[in-house]
Amino acid sequence: MEQKRLGNRDVGAIGFGTMSFGGIFGPTDEATSLACLDAAMEAGITHFDTADIYGMGLSERIMGKWGRRDTHLATKCGIVTGPPRTVRNDEAYIRQCLEASLRRLGREHVDLYYIHRRQPEIPIEDLAGTMGRLVEEGKIGGYGLSEVAPSTLRRAHAEHPVTAVQNEFSLWTRLPQLGLIQACRELGVAFVAFSPLGRGMFGSEPLRGDFRAVIDFRDTNPRFTQPNFSANLTAIAPFRALCAGRGWTVPGAALAWVLAQGDHIIPIPGTRRAEHLRDWQVPDLGSDDIAEIERILPAGFAHGDRYGDHQMAFVERYC
């Protein structure tokens, strides 16, 4: 697999997000998750991403049980599940969360530590100072920010260099192209794209939409509720036809488009099952291919917002 720079290490150009290991998208089990991690390593993936709230520590515990030390590992803190759901960025809380994550992960150090959401009341310079101290103490290799605006990135980076920014980015979520991807490139910060496959919308097979049958993050997401869900399936159908005609898998082409948007972009798709990794084969897209994809799926094509109002709290809006 092609390598990309993430902090002071090279990692596979495609990483792996482990949110689904916590049951966010439906039932899963430990054995299946561990097999999926093994398959990801065999495919050349070396960067793995988790968080303390994924299954309330379950995803981190699975990563700890897996126990591979030849990986680049990221985790996150900052979201307080509540009720009420809120965020905390004070140093005491960050340190408390980091120690708990390290215990679950079975590590004394994590390569990359994100603030999952920013707490507006705490100056970003103070937060960057906290993270810088953790770097100096050897607790973390570098720090990242998630769902932030370019202005926040610039202020934090001026206080202590930011390793990575993680925001949602895919064919149907393109807000980062309005300043954030450019700011990351300018500052030498990696841009980590989460949900690059649209939470399953760009999977190999069209989703059925029965999200309420099990506990599933998507059951209240505007893009996955009717009538938006059916409209989005219709909008994406020509892209599926294009992929079939070119001999591409749908996930592979969607990942290739994300990768083509910048050398500093690292997508982190996720899955619960190892067999899905076979469909992440990335085709070599030419300029004509990219133009055709963007003709079929122009910016703003999606029906519905990427989050409901209840999910937008503490997501920084800048456009």
Protein backbone atom coordinates (compact mmCIF):
# COMPACT_ATOMS: atom_id res chain seq x y z
CA MET A 1 0.00 0.00 0.00
CA GLU A 2 1.12 3.56 -0.70
CA GLN A 3 2.47 5.31 2.40
CA LYS A 4 1.60 8.74 3.77
CA ARG A 5 3.12 10.83 6.54
CA LEU A 6 1.19 11.05 9.81
CA GLY A 7 3.13 12.91 12.47
CA ASN A 8 6.64 11.44 12.59
CA ARG A 9 5.72 8.13 10.96
CA ASP A 10 4.70 6.78 7.60
CA VAL A 11 1.43 4.86 7.58
CA GLY A 12 -0.68 3.15 4.97
CA ALA A 13 -2.55 5.62 2.76
CA ILE A 14 -5.83 4.11 4.00
CA GLY A 15 -6.41 3.74 7.72
CA PHE A 16 -9.10 1.91 9.66
CA GLY A 17 -11.84 3.36 11.86
CA THR A 18 -13.11 1.12 14.66
CA MET A 19 -16.34 2.90 15.67
CA SER A 20 -18.45 -0.03 14.48
CA PHE A 21 -16.71 -2.36 16.96
CA GLY A 22 -18.68 -0.60 19.68
CA GLY A 23 -22.04 -1.61 18.22
CA ILE A 24 -22.78 1.81 16.76
CA PHE A 25 -24.01 0.36 13.45
CA GLY A 26 -25.60 -2.81 14.78
CA PRO A 27 -24.54 -5.99 16.59
CA THR A 28 -20.96 -7.17 16.54
CA ASP A 29 -18.79 -9.46 18.62
CA GLU A 30 -15.20 -9.60 19.77
CA ALA A 31 -14.09 -12.54 17.63
CA THR A 32 -15.42 -10.92 14.46
CA SER A 33 -13.75 -7.62 15.32
CA LEU A 34 -10.39 -9.28 15.99
CA ALA A 35 -10.58 -11.16 12.68
CA CYS A 36 -11.37 -7.88 10.94
CA LEU A 37 -8.28 -6.24 12.47
CA ASP A 38 -6.10 -9.13 11.32
CA ALA A 39 -7.45 -8.80 7.80
CA ALA A 40 -6.81 -5.05 7.81
CA MET A 41 -3.16 -5.59 8.71
CA GLU A 42 -2.84 -8.21 5.98
CA ALA A 43 -4.20 -5.63 3.53
CA GLY A 44 -1.42 -3.19 4.43
CA ILE A 45 -3.37 -0.95 6.82
CA THR A 46 -1.18 0.30 9.66
CA HIS A 47 -3.11 3.27 11.13
CA PHE A 48 -6.04 2.41 13.42
CA ASP A 49 -8.45 4.90 14.94
CA THR A 50 -10.65 4.46 18.00
CA ALA A 51 -12.19 6.59 20.80
CA ASP A 52 -13.20 6.26 24.41
CA ILE A 53 -16.92 6.59 23.64
CA TYR A 54 -17.08 3.88 20.96
CA GLY A 55 -19.15 1.36 22.86
CA MET A 56 -18.20 3.15 26.09
CA GLY A 57 -14.66 1.79 25.94
CA LEU A 58 -15.48 -1.47 24.13
CA SER A 59 -13.63 -0.57 20.94
CA GLU A 60 -10.52 0.37 22.93
CA ARG A 61 -10.68 -2.88 24.90
CA ILE A 62 -10.83 -4.85 21.65
CA MET A 63 -7.79 -2.96 20.37
CA GLY A 64 -6.04 -3.75 23.66
CA LYS A 65 -6.87 -7.45 23.41
CA TRP A 66 -5.63 -7.50 19.80
CA GLY A 67 -2.37 -6.22 21.23
CA ARG A 68 -0.48 -5.42 18.02
CA ARG A 69 2.38 -3.00 18.73
CA ASP A 70 3.50 -2.63 15.10
CA THR A 71 0.63 -0.24 14.36
CA HIS A 72 0.04 3.50 14.53
CA LEU A 73 -2.83 3.98 16.97
CA ALA A 74 -5.09 6.97 17.59
CA THR A 75 -7.80 7.46 20.18
CA LYS A 76 -9.93 10.38 21.33
CA CYS A 77 -11.55 12.03 24.32
CA GLY A 78 -13.69 15.04 25.08
CA ILE A 79 -17.28 13.92 24.60
CA VAL A 80 -19.21 13.39 27.83
CA THR A 81 -22.13 11.11 27.03
CA GLY A 82 -24.26 12.39 29.91
CA PRO A 83 -27.10 12.89 30.15
CA PRO A 84 -26.91 15.61 29.18
CA ARG A 85 -24.41 15.05 26.38
CA THR A 86 -21.69 17.69 26.52
CA VAL A 87 -17.93 18.14 26.09
CA ARG A 88 -14.99 18.77 28.40
CA ASN A 89 -11.52 19.99 27.39
CA ASP A 90 -10.07 20.89 30.79
CA GLU A 91 -6.65 19.42 31.53
CA ALA A 92 -7.75 17.33 34.51
CA TYR A 93 -10.46 15.63 32.49
CA ILE A 94 -8.20 15.03 29.48
CA ARG A 95 -5.56 13.43 31.68
CA GLN A 96 -8.18 11.27 33.40
CA CYS A 97 -9.54 10.09 30.04
CA LEU A 98 -6.09 9.41 28.62
CA GLU A 99 -5.08 7.23 31.56
CA ALA A 100 -8.33 5.25 31.26
CA SER A 101 -7.81 4.80 27.51
CA LEU A 102 -4.22 3.64 28.00
CA ARG A 103 -5.39 1.02 30.50
CA ARG A 104 -8.01 -0.30 28.08
CA LEU A 105 -5.51 -0.27 25.21
CA GLY A 106 -2.81 -1.95 27.29
CA ARG A 107 -0.30 0.76 26.41
CA GLU A 108 1.81 3.37 28.13
CA HIS A 109 1.76 5.65 25.08
CA VAL A 110 -0.60 6.38 22.21
CA ASP A 111 0.69 7.66 18.86
CA LEU A 112 -2.06 10.21 18.26
CA TYR A 113 -4.57 11.66 20.72
CA TYR A 114 -7.54 13.66 19.46
CA ILE A 115 -9.87 16.07 21.14
CA HIS A 116 -13.13 14.60 19.87
CA ARG A 117 -15.03 17.89 20.13
CA ARG A 118 -13.92 21.34 21.21
CA GLN A 119 -15.33 22.99 24.34
CA PRO A 120 -15.97 26.62 23.31
CA GLU A 121 -15.45 28.05 26.80
CA ILE A 122 -11.81 26.94 26.91
CA PRO A 123 -9.45 28.97 24.70
CA ILE A 124 -7.96 26.76 22.03
CA GLU A 125 -4.51 27.99 23.04
CA ASP A 126 -5.05 26.55 26.52
CA LEU A 127 -6.13 23.23 25.04
CA ALA A 128 -3.11 23.15 22.73
CA GLY A 129 -0.91 23.83 25.76
CA THR A 130 -2.40 20.84 27.58
CA MET A 131 -1.82 18.59 24.60
CA GLY A 132 1.71 19.91 24.18
CA ARG A 133 2.52 18.96 27.76
CA LEU A 134 1.26 15.42 27.14
CA VAL A 135 3.58 15.21 24.13
CA GLU A 136 6.53 16.47 26.18
CA GLU A 137 5.76 13.91 28.91
CA GLY A 138 5.81 11.09 26.36
CA LYS A 139 2.19 10.12 26.95
CA ILE A 140 1.22 10.84 23.34
CA GLY A 141 3.16 11.10 20.11
CA GLY A 142 1.10 13.98 18.80
CA TYR A 143 -2.34 15.50 19.09
CA GLY A 144 -5.27 16.07 16.81
CA LEU A 145 -8.53 17.97 16.59
CA SER A 146 -11.86 16.73 15.28
CA GLU A 147 -14.77 18.57 13.64
CA VAL A 148 -13.05 21.96 13.86
CA ALA A 149 -12.89 25.07 11.71
CA PRO A 150 -9.76 26.29 9.90
CA SER A 151 -9.47 29.23 12.30
CA THR A 152 -9.35 26.86 15.28
CA LEU A 153 -6.66 24.78 13.60
CA ARG A 154 -4.51 27.84 12.91
CA ARG A 155 -4.75 29.12 16.49
CA ALA A 156 -3.97 25.70 17.99
CA HIS A 157 -1.09 25.08 15.60
CA ALA A 158 0.49 28.42 16.51
CA GLU A 159 0.54 27.36 20.19
CA HIS A 160 1.75 23.78 19.64
CA PRO A 161 1.95 22.00 16.26
CA VAL A 162 -1.10 19.91 15.42
CA THR A 163 -0.44 16.45 13.98
CA ALA A 164 -3.82 15.78 12.36
CA VAL A 165 -7.34 17.08 11.91
CA GLN A 166 -10.15 14.56 11.61
CA ASN A 167 -13.40 15.70 9.99
CA GLU A 168 -16.04 13.92 7.98
CA PHE A 169 -15.21 13.97 4.26
CA SER A 170 -16.57 11.92 1.37
CA LEU A 171 -18.32 12.24 -1.97
CA TRP A 172 -21.44 13.46 -0.19
CA THR A 173 -19.80 15.52 2.59
CA ARG A 174 -17.46 18.11 1.10
CA LEU A 175 -17.45 20.99 3.57
CA PRO A 176 -13.72 20.49 4.38
CA GLN A 177 -12.91 21.57 0.82
CA LEU A 178 -14.08 25.06 1.76
CA GLY A 179 -10.93 25.90 3.69
CA LEU A 180 -9.98 23.11 6.09
CA ILE A 181 -8.20 20.78 3.68
CA GLN A 182 -6.31 23.80 2.33
CA ALA A 183 -5.31 24.95 5.82
CA CYS A 184 -4.03 21.48 6.70
CA ARG A 185 -1.94 21.38 3.54
CA GLU A 186 -0.49 24.83 4.22
CA LEU A 187 0.46 23.96 7.81
CA GLY A 188 1.77 20.46 7.09
CA VAL A 189 -1.05 18.83 9.08
CA ALA A 190 -2.52 15.48 8.03
CA PHE A 191 -6.22 15.52 7.18
CA VAL A 192 -7.88 12.30 8.34
CA ALA A 193 -11.21 11.74 6.59
CA PHE A 194 -13.73 9.82 8.67
CA SER A 195 -16.83 8.19 7.15
CA PRO A 196 -15.26 8.30 3.65
CA LEU A 197 -17.80 5.68 2.54
CA GLY A 198 -20.80 7.67 3.75
CA ARG A 199 -21.58 5.39 6.71
CA GLY A 200 -22.24 2.53 4.33
CA MET A 201 -23.98 4.46 1.56
CA PHE A 202 -20.97 3.80 -0.68
CA GLY A 203 -20.75 0.14 0.25
CA SER A 204 -20.67 -2.66 -2.30
CA GLU A 205 -24.42 -3.17 -2.08
CA PRO A 206 -27.13 -0.51 -1.63
CA LEU A 207 -28.30 -0.19 1.96
CA ARG A 208 -31.78 -1.47 2.77
CA GLY A 209 -32.65 1.22 5.29
CA ASP A 210 -33.94 -1.01 8.12
CA PHE A 211 -31.85 0.90 10.69
CA ARG A 212 -34.56 0.87 13.34
CA ALA A 213 -34.55 -2.92 13.47
CA VAL A 214 -31.41 -2.77 15.64
CA ILE A 215 -29.53 -0.10 17.56
CA ASP A 216 -27.97 1.90 14.73
CA PHE A 217 -26.45 5.37 14.67
CA ARG A 218 -28.19 6.07 11.37
CA ASP A 219 -31.80 5.62 12.51
CA THR A 220 -32.18 9.35 13.30
CA ASN A 221 -29.68 10.70 10.78
CA PRO A 222 -31.42 12.96 8.22
CA ARG A 223 -29.70 11.37 5.22
CA PHE A 224 -30.93 7.92 6.25
CA THR A 225 -34.53 8.79 7.08
CA GLN A 226 -37.30 9.07 4.53
CA PRO A 227 -37.84 10.63 2.08
CA ASN A 228 -34.14 11.57 2.00
CA PHE A 229 -32.89 8.01 2.14
CA SER A 230 -34.71 6.90 -1.03
CA ALA A 231 -33.68 10.09 -2.82
CA ASN A 232 -30.04 9.45 -1.94
CA LEU A 233 -30.19 5.85 -3.17
CA THR A 234 -31.55 7.16 -6.47
CA ALA A 235 -28.86 9.84 -6.71
CA ILE A 236 -26.04 7.36 -6.11
CA ALA A 237 -27.36 4.67 -8.48
CA PRO A 238 -25.63 6.17 -11.57
CA PHE A 239 -22.33 6.16 -9.68
CA ARG A 240 -22.83 2.47 -8.97
CA ALA A 241 -23.48 1.91 -12.66
CA LEU A 242 -20.31 3.81 -13.56
CA CYS A 243 -18.27 1.65 -11.19
CA ALA A 244 -19.74 -1.54 -12.64
CA GLY A 245 -18.96 -0.37 -16.15
CA ARG A 246 -15.35 0.50 -15.29
CA GLY A 247 -14.69 -2.64 -13.26
CA TRP A 248 -14.31 -0.73 -10.00
CA THR A 249 -15.84 -1.62 -6.67
CA VAL A 250 -18.06 1.16 -5.30
CA PRO A 251 -16.08 1.50 -2.03
CA GLY A 252 -12.79 1.43 -3.92
CA ALA A 253 -13.83 4.22 -6.27
CA ALA A 254 -15.22 6.32 -3.41
CA LEU A 255 -11.94 5.94 -1.51
CA ALA A 256 -9.93 6.73 -4.63
CA TRP A 257 -11.86 9.99 -5.06
CA VAL A 258 -11.09 10.99 -1.46
CA LEU A 259 -7.40 10.15 -1.85
CA ALA A 260 -7.23 12.19 -5.06
CA GLN A 261 -8.22 15.36 -3.21
CA GLY A 262 -4.82 15.78 -1.55
CA ASP A 263 -1.55 14.00 -0.79
CA HIS A 264 -2.04 14.77 2.91
CA ILE A 265 -5.47 13.12 3.13
CA ILE A 266 -5.82 9.75 4.88
CA PRO A 267 -9.30 8.18 4.78
CA ILE A 268 -10.27 5.84 7.61
CA PRO A 269 -13.16 3.64 6.45
CA GLY A 270 -14.54 1.16 8.94
CA THR A 271 -16.34 -2.14 8.84
CA ARG A 272 -17.47 -4.88 11.22
CA ARG A 273 -16.59 -7.75 8.89
CA ALA A 274 -13.29 -8.78 7.31
CA GLU A 275 -14.84 -9.73 3.96
CA HIS A 276 -15.69 -6.10 3.25
CA LEU A 277 -12.00 -5.23 3.08
CA ARG A 278 -11.78 -7.00 -0.28
CA ASP A 279 -13.90 -4.24 -1.76
CA TRP A 280 -11.53 -1.46 -0.71
CA GLN A 281 -9.28 -2.01 -3.74
CA VAL A 282 -8.49 1.51 -4.95
CA PRO A 283 -8.46 2.04 -8.73
CA ASP A 284 -6.07 4.48 -10.36
CA LEU A 285 -8.37 7.35 -11.28
CA GLY A 286 -7.42 9.66 -14.11
CA SER A 287 -8.56 13.26 -14.40
CA ASP A 288 -11.36 12.22 -16.75
CA ASP A 289 -12.57 9.63 -14.23
CA ILE A 290 -12.66 12.20 -11.44
CA ALA A 291 -14.51 14.66 -13.65
CA GLU A 292 -17.11 12.02 -14.54
CA ILE A 293 -17.60 11.05 -10.90
CA GLU A 294 -18.13 14.70 -9.97
CA ARG A 295 -20.54 15.17 -12.85
CA ILE A 296 -22.63 12.27 -11.58
CA LEU A 297 -22.31 13.28 -7.91
CA PRO A 298 -21.80 17.05 -7.85
CA ALA A 299 -20.98 18.85 -4.62
CA GLY A 300 -24.15 19.24 -2.58
CA PHE A 301 -26.05 16.36 -4.19
CA ALA A 302 -27.00 14.74 -0.87
CA HIS A 303 -30.55 14.99 0.44
CA GLY A 304 -30.55 15.90 4.12
CA ASP A 305 -27.90 17.12 6.54
CA ARG A 306 -25.05 14.82 7.60
CA TYR A 307 -26.14 15.11 11.25
CA GLY A 308 -29.41 15.79 13.00
CA ASP A 309 -29.63 18.83 15.26
CA HIS A 310 -29.02 16.60 18.29
CA GLN A 311 -25.75 15.42 16.70
CA MET A 312 -24.48 18.85 15.67
CA ALA A 313 -23.69 20.10 19.18
CA PHE A 314 -20.04 21.23 19.41
CA VAL A 315 -19.38 20.66 15.70
CA GLU A 316 -17.72 23.86 14.50
CA ARG A 317 -19.50 25.52 11.58
CA TYR A 318 -17.50 27.93 9.47
CA CYS A 319 -19.34 28.28 6.12
